[in-house]
C-alpha cells in the first residue's frame, strides 16, 4: 500500500503543474497571471508549504494547482539593522 501511494505521489495529475527550477518573483507572477487567464480563475489562493509556493486557481468548473519551488530562505543577521 505504501509503495502504491508513493507511486501515485510522483505521477502527474490533471490540473496540477509543478515548477521545480527556481524563478524570480517577476517570472513567477507572470506564470501565475498566464494560468489565471488561461483557466478563467475567479479565485486565487497562495500558501507557502515548506520549500514550495502553492497557488490554487478556482474557475467556475475546475480547480488548478501550481506548485513553485522556492529559493532557500534568506537568513538575516538580527544584530545588524536593515538598511533602506
Protein backbone atom coordinates (compact mmCIF):
# COMPACT_ATOMS: atom_id res chain seq x y z
CA UNK A 1 0.00 0.00 0.00
CA UNK A 2 2.80 2.43 0.91
CA UNK A 3 4.54 1.77 -2.41
CA UNK A 4 1.33 2.36 -4.35
CA UNK A 5 0.76 5.68 -2.58
CA UNK A 6 4.38 6.68 -3.20
CA UNK A 7 3.97 5.96 -6.92
CA UNK A 8 0.75 7.97 -7.05
CA UNK A 9 2.53 10.91 -5.44
CA UNK A 10 5.01 11.04 -8.31
CA UNK A 11 2.54 10.73 -11.16
CA UNK A 12 1.36 13.94 -12.79
CA UNK A 13 -2.33 14.62 -12.23
CA UNK A 14 -4.73 16.62 -14.33
CA UNK A 15 -4.94 20.19 -13.12
CA UNK A 16 -1.59 20.18 -11.30
CA UNK A 17 1.54 21.88 -12.55
CA UNK A 18 4.95 21.65 -10.88
CA UNK A 19 7.73 24.19 -11.50
CA UNK A 20 10.89 22.74 -9.94
CA UNK A 21 13.54 25.19 -11.14
CA UNK A 22 13.65 28.45 -9.19
CA UNK A 23 12.20 31.55 -10.82
CA UNK A 24 12.43 35.12 -9.66
CA UNK A 25 9.30 36.82 -8.37
CA UNK A 26 8.64 38.59 -11.69
CA UNK A 27 8.69 35.31 -13.64
CA UNK A 28 6.56 33.57 -11.00
CA UNK A 29 3.97 36.37 -11.13
CA UNK A 30 3.93 36.23 -14.94
CA UNK A 31 3.33 32.47 -14.91
CA UNK A 32 0.55 32.77 -12.31
CA UNK A 33 -1.12 35.53 -14.35
CA UNK A 34 -0.90 33.42 -17.52
CA UNK A 35 -2.62 30.48 -15.80
CA UNK A 36 -5.27 32.74 -14.21
CA UNK A 37 -6.20 34.00 -17.68
CA UNK A 38 -5.93 30.56 -19.32
CA UNK A 39 -8.30 28.90 -16.83
CA UNK A 40 -10.52 31.94 -16.20
CA UNK A 41 -9.83 31.72 -12.46
CA UNK A 42 -12.23 33.67 -10.27
CA UNK A 43 -10.42 32.83 -7.02
CA UNK A 44 -6.66 32.68 -6.42
CA UNK A 45 -5.14 31.45 -3.17
CA UNK A 46 -1.47 31.31 -2.25
CA UNK A 47 0.26 29.46 0.55
CA UNK A 48 3.83 28.64 1.45
CA UNK A 49 4.27 24.92 2.07
CA UNK A 50 7.83 24.05 3.07
CA UNK A 51 10.07 24.63 0.06
CA UNK A 52 7.14 25.44 -2.22
CA UNK A 53 4.73 28.22 -3.06
CA UNK A 54 1.33 26.64 -3.68
CA UNK A 55 -1.10 28.56 -5.88
CA UNK A 56 -4.69 27.31 -6.11
CA UNK A 57 -6.77 28.66 -9.00
CA UNK A 58 -10.53 28.12 -8.94
CA UNK A 59 -12.67 28.73 -12.00
CA UNK A 60 -16.39 28.14 -12.35
CA UNK A 61 -15.98 24.42 -13.10
CA UNK A 62 -12.45 23.33 -12.19
CA UNK A 63 -9.55 23.85 -9.81
CA UNK A 64 -5.89 24.00 -10.78
CA UNK A 65 -2.81 23.87 -8.56
CA UNK A 66 0.53 25.45 -9.39
CA UNK A 67 3.50 24.47 -7.25
CA UNK A 68 6.70 26.55 -7.42
CA UNK A 69 9.92 25.51 -5.70
CA UNK A 70 11.09 28.43 -3.57
CA UNK A 71 14.62 29.66 -3.25
CA UNK A 72 16.25 28.98 0.13
CA UNK A 73 15.05 31.50 2.71
CA UNK A 74 17.40 34.37 3.40
CA UNK A 75 18.88 34.35 6.88
CA UNK A 76 19.19 37.81 8.37
CA UNK A 77 21.72 38.81 10.98
CA UNK A 78 19.46 40.17 13.75
CA UNK A 79 22.35 42.07 15.33
CA UNK A 80 22.54 44.41 12.35
CA UNK A 81 19.80 46.90 11.41
CA UNK A 82 18.22 46.56 7.97
CA UNK A 83 19.29 49.28 5.56
CA UNK A 84 16.87 51.02 3.22
